[in-house]
Amino acid sequence: MTADSITLGDVEITRVIEWSGPIRTARFIVPDSDEETWRRNREWLEPDFWTPADDAYRCHIQTWVLRSEGKTILLDTGVGNGRERPQVPQFAGLQTDFLARLRAVGVAPEDVDLVVNTHIHYDHVGWNTESRDGEWVPTFPNATYLIPRADNLYFDPEGARRSRAPRDEHERVRWEGSKLVFNDSIAPIHRAGQAVLWEGAHRIDGNLRLEAAPGHTPGSSVVTLRSGTDRAVFVGDLVHSPVQVLEPRWNSCFCDDPQLAARTRASYLSRAAELRELVVPAHWPGHGAAEVRHEGDGFALTEWAAFPRG
């Protein structure tokens, strides 16, 4: 087990950070949130999740490596190198040593058995592929890639089905950018015959299960872990910031269907509180995950995961 790993039941969980830093302001990312809630919880939000001086939302772009039943599984694959990303200029042309970081925790690209994309957003599918001789090809040659069918239909530029027109220029740029994401990070997986589309629920193995959790995107999903007496739920982008645990009705600015996203978030947090599941979001810095309990109309964080603060 590495220093950045914990074990739940028979599953080893390792986080590999691709990028860390500030993105926009806190209330740009969680536009429904109020300043008073951030400041009331400043003592523990600062500096991992929020820096009050510039009101910056802070996050990790990271991959969760799960070792279960002899398989090596990557949960989400970050931004990737050398991408055209007009919707997020901060990550356009990004260059990191992510693959070296994977190797440092004992994972070579050919070792990966399964890649799980919780949804098709630029920061969850980027390392699905890499550029070789000017062509995007799968980074993990022996892996099966599990992709939500609903997102595949929604974001495929050849037959995309949008529920509504873009509401503003920001959303239009996001939608145009999503075409680039599909073409460089999803379509090559299909061409290589490595994609498996699923819907509803999908059993990964005896410890891990995929479940549909729509709202953030049509195909957003979570991964549940049940091993021995241990429980966890990898919630992807259901929760961008801990303030959404305190007030689950607050969506991120990236949620496609805000009302559905809020209901889905509340439902999974409620189950996590009742079952004492460790809640593992995609982007939390610090200790990366926490247990929660019911408190009023929302929830409170009760215990951080044992990951070192990162």
Protein backbone atom coordinates (compact mmCIF):
# COMPACT_ATOMS: atom_id res chain seq x y z
CA MET A 1 0.00 0.00 0.00
CA THR A 2 1.37 3.43 -0.92
CA ALA A 3 1.34 6.54 1.26
CA ASP A 4 -1.58 7.88 -0.80
CA SER A 5 -3.68 4.73 -0.37
CA ILE A 6 -6.26 3.33 1.99
CA THR A 7 -7.85 -0.10 2.05
CA LEU A 8 -11.57 -0.72 2.49
CA GLY A 9 -12.37 -4.38 2.87
CA ASP A 10 -10.52 -6.13 0.05
CA VAL A 11 -10.20 -3.01 -2.12
CA GLU A 12 -7.13 -0.80 -2.17
CA ILE A 13 -7.83 2.83 -3.14
CA THR A 14 -5.04 5.10 -4.34
CA ARG A 15 -5.40 8.67 -5.51
CA VAL A 16 -3.21 10.04 -8.27
CA ILE A 17 -3.37 13.82 -8.68
CA GLU A 18 -2.99 15.24 -12.16
CA TRP A 19 -3.44 18.94 -11.29
CA SER A 20 -4.21 21.01 -8.20
CA GLY A 21 -5.07 24.67 -7.76
CA PRO A 22 -7.71 27.41 -7.94
CA ILE A 23 -10.47 27.56 -10.55
CA ARG A 24 -12.63 30.66 -10.74
CA THR A 25 -14.37 31.93 -7.60
CA ALA A 26 -16.31 29.90 -5.08
CA ARG A 27 -19.65 31.36 -6.07
CA PHE A 28 -18.95 30.99 -9.77
CA ILE A 29 -18.50 27.26 -9.24
CA VAL A 30 -21.41 26.96 -6.76
CA PRO A 31 -23.56 29.92 -7.85
CA ASP A 32 -26.47 29.23 -5.48
CA SER A 33 -24.25 29.31 -2.40
CA ASP A 34 -24.11 32.30 -0.09
CA GLU A 35 -21.08 34.07 1.29
CA GLU A 36 -22.22 33.59 4.87
CA THR A 37 -22.03 29.77 4.62
CA TRP A 38 -18.51 29.88 3.24
CA ARG A 39 -17.35 32.30 5.93
CA ARG A 40 -19.12 30.44 8.76
CA ASN A 41 -17.17 27.32 7.80
CA ARG A 42 -13.94 29.13 6.96
CA GLU A 43 -11.93 27.36 9.66
CA TRP A 44 -12.03 24.03 7.84
CA LEU A 45 -12.71 25.10 4.24
CA GLU A 46 -9.51 27.18 4.20
CA PRO A 47 -7.04 26.58 2.62
CA ASP A 48 -7.79 23.20 1.04
CA PHE A 49 -11.15 24.04 -0.55
CA TRP A 50 -11.32 27.83 -0.51
CA THR A 51 -9.02 30.81 -0.11
CA PRO A 52 -11.03 33.77 1.23
CA ALA A 53 -8.54 36.43 0.16
CA ASP A 54 -9.39 35.90 -3.51
CA ASP A 55 -12.60 33.87 -3.03
CA ALA A 56 -10.99 31.08 -5.05
CA TYR A 57 -12.51 27.62 -5.30
CA ARG A 58 -9.70 25.07 -5.05
CA CYS A 59 -9.77 21.54 -6.36
CA HIS A 60 -7.84 18.52 -7.53
CA ILE A 61 -8.09 16.91 -10.93
CA GLN A 62 -7.40 13.33 -9.92
CA THR A 63 -7.86 9.66 -10.69
CA TRP A 64 -8.87 7.04 -8.17
CA VAL A 65 -7.01 3.76 -8.71
CA LEU A 66 -8.97 0.79 -7.37
CA ARG A 67 -7.36 -2.62 -6.98
CA SER A 68 -10.10 -5.18 -6.56
CA GLU A 69 -10.31 -8.94 -7.20
CA GLY A 70 -6.96 -8.90 -8.97
CA LYS A 71 -7.94 -6.11 -11.36
CA THR A 72 -6.56 -2.59 -11.71
CA ILE A 73 -9.36 -0.07 -12.27
CA LEU A 74 -9.05 3.65 -13.02
CA LEU A 75 -11.97 5.80 -11.94
CA ASP A 76 -11.99 8.91 -14.19
CA THR A 77 -8.94 10.00 -16.15
CA GLY A 78 -8.51 13.75 -15.75
CA VAL A 79 -7.79 16.37 -18.40
CA GLY A 80 -5.01 14.78 -20.44
CA ASN A 81 -2.11 16.39 -22.27
CA GLY A 82 -2.20 18.63 -25.30
CA ARG A 83 -5.96 19.20 -25.56
CA GLU A 84 -7.85 21.99 -27.27
CA ARG A 85 -10.25 23.21 -24.58
CA PRO A 86 -11.88 26.56 -25.40
CA GLN A 87 -14.40 26.07 -22.58
CA VAL A 88 -11.57 25.97 -20.01
CA PRO A 89 -8.56 27.95 -21.28
CA GLN A 90 -6.79 27.13 -18.01
CA PHE A 91 -6.43 23.53 -19.21
CA ALA A 92 -5.86 24.13 -22.92
CA GLY A 93 -2.59 22.50 -23.93
CA LEU A 94 -1.99 21.16 -20.41
CA GLN A 95 1.18 19.12 -20.00
CA THR A 96 1.71 17.00 -16.88
CA ASP A 97 3.63 13.87 -15.88
CA PHE A 98 0.42 12.02 -14.99
CA LEU A 99 1.51 8.71 -16.51
CA ALA A 100 4.75 8.88 -14.51
CA ARG A 101 2.66 9.45 -11.39
CA LEU A 102 0.63 6.36 -12.23
CA ARG A 103 3.83 4.37 -12.64
CA ALA A 104 5.05 5.67 -9.29
CA VAL A 105 2.12 3.88 -7.61
CA GLY A 106 2.79 0.71 -9.59
CA VAL A 107 0.46 1.18 -12.54
CA ALA A 108 1.82 1.06 -16.09
CA PRO A 109 -0.66 1.78 -18.92
CA GLU A 110 -0.67 -1.87 -20.00
CA ASP A 111 -1.55 -2.95 -16.44
CA VAL A 112 -4.96 -1.25 -16.45
CA ASP A 113 -7.86 -3.69 -16.82
CA LEU A 114 -10.78 -1.28 -16.61
CA VAL A 115 -11.37 2.45 -17.02
CA VAL A 116 -14.57 3.92 -15.59
CA ASN A 117 -15.72 7.33 -16.83
CA THR A 118 -18.36 8.53 -14.35
CA HIS A 119 -19.52 10.99 -17.03
CA ILE A 120 -18.27 12.66 -20.20
CA HIS A 121 -16.78 15.96 -19.08
CA TYR A 122 -13.32 17.14 -20.13
CA ASP A 123 -11.78 16.56 -16.68
CA HIS A 124 -12.97 12.96 -16.38
CA VAL A 125 -12.03 11.44 -19.75
CA GLY A 126 -8.82 13.16 -20.90
CA TRP A 127 -6.29 10.42 -20.27
CA ASN A 128 -8.58 7.90 -21.98
CA THR A 129 -6.35 8.69 -24.94
CA GLU A 130 -2.96 10.08 -25.87
CA SER A 131 -1.55 11.47 -29.08
CA ARG A 132 0.73 9.20 -31.10
CA ASP A 133 1.93 10.29 -34.51
CA GLY A 134 -0.77 12.95 -34.58
CA GLU A 135 -3.62 10.55 -33.82
CA TRP A 136 -5.58 10.07 -30.62
CA VAL A 137 -5.36 6.44 -29.47
CA PRO A 138 -6.27 4.64 -26.22
CA THR A 139 -3.72 5.25 -23.47
CA PHE A 140 -4.51 1.93 -21.80
CA PRO A 141 -4.25 -0.72 -24.52
CA ASN A 142 -5.59 -3.66 -22.53
CA ALA A 143 -8.44 -1.89 -20.77
CA THR A 144 -12.17 -2.00 -21.22
CA TYR A 145 -13.66 1.49 -20.93
CA LEU A 146 -17.05 1.72 -19.21
CA ILE A 147 -18.96 4.76 -20.54
CA PRO A 148 -22.53 5.75 -19.61
CA ARG A 149 -24.77 5.20 -22.62
CA ALA A 150 -26.87 8.30 -21.84
CA ASP A 151 -23.82 10.57 -21.92
CA ASN A 152 -22.49 8.90 -25.05
CA LEU A 153 -25.76 9.69 -26.84
CA TYR A 154 -25.95 13.19 -25.43
CA PHE A 155 -22.42 14.32 -26.25
CA ASP A 156 -21.78 12.47 -29.52
CA PRO A 157 -21.61 15.31 -32.09
CA GLU A 158 -22.81 12.93 -34.81
CA GLY A 159 -26.16 12.48 -33.11
CA ALA A 160 -26.15 14.61 -30.00
CA ARG A 161 -29.49 15.14 -28.28
CA ARG A 162 -29.59 18.28 -26.18
CA SER A 163 -32.53 18.72 -23.84
CA ARG A 164 -32.48 22.48 -24.46
CA ALA A 165 -30.60 25.18 -26.30
CA PRO A 166 -27.63 26.85 -24.57
CA ARG A 167 -28.81 29.44 -22.07
CA ASP A 168 -25.96 31.87 -22.62
CA GLU A 169 -22.60 32.36 -24.31
CA HIS A 170 -20.76 30.54 -21.51
CA GLU A 171 -22.95 27.48 -22.03
CA ARG A 172 -22.56 27.67 -25.82
CA VAL A 173 -18.77 27.59 -25.49
CA ARG A 174 -19.06 24.64 -23.12
CA TRP A 175 -21.20 22.76 -25.61
CA GLU A 176 -18.85 23.44 -28.51
CA GLY A 177 -15.96 22.35 -26.31
CA SER A 178 -17.75 19.11 -25.48
CA LYS A 179 -17.59 18.13 -29.16
CA LEU A 180 -13.81 18.36 -29.01
CA VAL A 181 -13.82 16.26 -25.83
CA PHE A 182 -15.87 13.53 -27.48
CA ASN A 183 -13.74 13.51 -30.61
CA ASP A 184 -10.37 13.28 -28.85
CA SER A 185 -11.24 11.26 -25.74
CA ILE A 186 -14.30 9.07 -26.50
CA ALA A 187 -14.52 8.41 -30.24
CA PRO A 188 -11.01 6.83 -30.37
CA ILE A 189 -12.09 4.34 -27.70
CA HIS A 190 -15.01 3.28 -29.87
CA ARG A 191 -12.80 2.98 -32.93
CA ALA A 192 -10.43 0.73 -30.99
CA GLY A 193 -13.31 -1.53 -29.92
CA GLN A 194 -12.57 -0.94 -26.23
CA ALA A 195 -15.77 0.88 -25.22
CA VAL A 196 -18.64 -0.74 -23.33
CA LEU A 197 -21.78 1.35 -22.94
CA TRP A 198 -23.97 0.67 -19.93
CA GLU A 199 -27.19 2.06 -18.47
CA GLY A 200 -29.15 1.75 -15.23
CA ALA A 201 -26.61 -0.24 -13.25
CA HIS A 202 -23.53 -2.29 -14.01
CA ARG A 203 -21.77 -4.79 -11.77
CA ILE A 204 -18.00 -4.31 -12.03
CA ASP A 205 -17.08 -7.14 -9.66
CA GLY A 206 -18.09 -8.54 -6.28
CA ASN A 207 -17.00 -5.34 -4.52
CA LEU A 208 -17.88 -2.58 -6.98
CA ARG A 209 -21.04 -1.50 -8.77
CA LEU A 210 -21.90 1.37 -11.11
CA GLU A 211 -25.22 3.16 -10.64
CA ALA A 212 -26.88 5.85 -12.73
CA ALA A 213 -27.00 9.21 -10.89
CA PRO A 214 -28.32 11.69 -13.48
CA GLY A 215 -28.59 15.45 -13.24
CA HIS A 216 -25.05 16.73 -13.48
CA THR A 217 -25.11 15.17 -16.95
CA PRO A 218 -27.75 12.78 -18.33
CA GLY A 219 -25.43 9.84 -17.77
CA SER A 220 -23.68 10.85 -14.55
CA SER A 221 -22.94 7.86 -12.38
CA VAL A 222 -21.51 6.78 -9.06
CA VAL A 223 -19.47 3.75 -8.05
CA THR A 224 -20.45 1.97 -4.85
CA LEU A 225 -18.00 -0.12 -2.85
CA ARG A 226 -19.21 -2.93 -0.59
CA SER A 227 -16.47 -5.12 0.82
CA GLY A 228 -16.78 -6.85 4.18
CA THR A 229 -18.21 -4.26 6.56
CA ASP A 230 -16.73 -1.31 4.65
CA ARG A 231 -18.79 1.01 2.48
CA ALA A 232 -17.94 3.87 0.12
CA VAL A 233 -19.53 5.77 -2.72
CA PHE A 234 -17.48 7.53 -5.39
CA VAL A 235 -19.86 10.34 -6.27
CA GLY A 236 -18.02 11.93 -9.20
CA ASP A 237 -19.27 15.48 -9.69
CA LEU A 238 -22.41 15.20 -7.59
CA VAL A 239 -20.41 17.17 -5.02
CA HIS A 240 -17.82 19.67 -6.23
CA SER A 241 -17.43 21.40 -2.86
CA PRO A 242 -18.13 20.43 0.76
CA VAL A 243 -20.63 23.31 0.97
CA GLN A 244 -22.90 21.14 -1.21
CA VAL A 245 -22.92 18.58 1.58
CA LEU A 246 -24.08 21.26 4.00
CA GLU A 247 -26.70 22.47 1.49
CA PRO A 248 -27.41 19.69 -1.04
CA ARG A 249 -29.86 21.87 -2.98
CA TRP A 250 -26.88 23.94 -4.19
CA ASN A 251 -25.67 22.87 -7.63
CA SER A 252 -22.42 23.54 -9.39
CA CYS A 253 -22.47 25.77 -12.46
CA PHE A 254 -21.78 22.66 -14.55
CA CYS A 255 -25.02 20.79 -13.74
CA ASP A 256 -27.08 20.16 -16.86
CA ASP A 257 -30.40 19.58 -15.05
CA PRO A 258 -30.18 21.51 -11.76
CA GLN A 259 -33.39 20.23 -10.18
CA LEU A 260 -32.59 16.59 -10.94
CA ALA A 261 -28.97 17.06 -9.84
CA ALA A 262 -30.09 18.41 -6.46
CA ARG A 263 -32.48 15.50 -5.91
CA THR A 264 -29.82 12.97 -6.89
CA ARG A 265 -27.25 14.61 -4.63
CA ALA A 266 -29.58 14.62 -1.63
CA SER A 267 -30.55 10.99 -2.23
CA TYR A 268 -26.98 9.70 -2.33
CA LEU A 269 -25.88 11.79 0.64
CA SER A 270 -28.86 10.51 2.62
CA ARG A 271 -27.96 6.92 1.83
CA ALA A 272 -24.32 7.60 2.71
CA ALA A 273 -25.36 8.98 6.08
CA GLU A 274 -27.60 6.01 6.82
CA LEU A 275 -25.10 3.35 5.70
CA ARG A 276 -21.97 5.18 6.89
CA GLU A 277 -20.53 5.16 3.40
CA LEU A 278 -17.35 7.09 2.84
CA VAL A 279 -18.24 9.83 0.34
CA VAL A 280 -15.48 10.16 -2.26
CA PRO A 281 -15.99 13.10 -4.68
CA ALA A 282 -13.96 13.50 -7.84
CA HIS A 283 -12.30 16.80 -7.04
CA TRP A 284 -11.82 17.29 -3.31
CA PRO A 285 -8.34 18.27 -2.15
CA GLY A 286 -7.31 17.87 1.49
CA HIS A 287 -8.12 14.40 2.78
CA GLY A 288 -10.18 13.77 -0.34
CA ALA A 289 -13.23 12.11 1.20
CA ALA A 290 -15.38 12.08 4.32
CA GLU A 291 -18.24 10.41 6.14
CA VAL A 292 -21.43 12.43 6.59
CA ARG A 293 -24.47 12.56 8.86
CA HIS A 294 -27.90 14.12 8.68
CA GLU A 295 -28.13 17.64 10.10
CA GLY A 296 -31.28 19.72 9.62
CA ASP A 297 -32.23 19.89 5.95
CA GLY A 298 -28.70 19.02 4.92
CA PHE A 299 -25.73 17.08 6.14
CA ALA A 300 -22.56 17.57 8.14
CA LEU A 301 -19.12 16.07 7.66
CA THR A 302 -18.18 13.80 10.53
CA GLU A 303 -14.82 12.21 9.78
CA TRP A 304 -12.24 12.75 7.06
CA ALA A 305 -10.73 9.82 5.16
CA ALA A 306 -7.27 8.61 6.09
CA PHE A 307 -5.63 9.92 2.91
CA PRO A 308 -2.81 12.38 3.62
CA ARG A 309 -3.82 15.98 3.00
CA GLY A 310 -3.01 16.78 -0.59
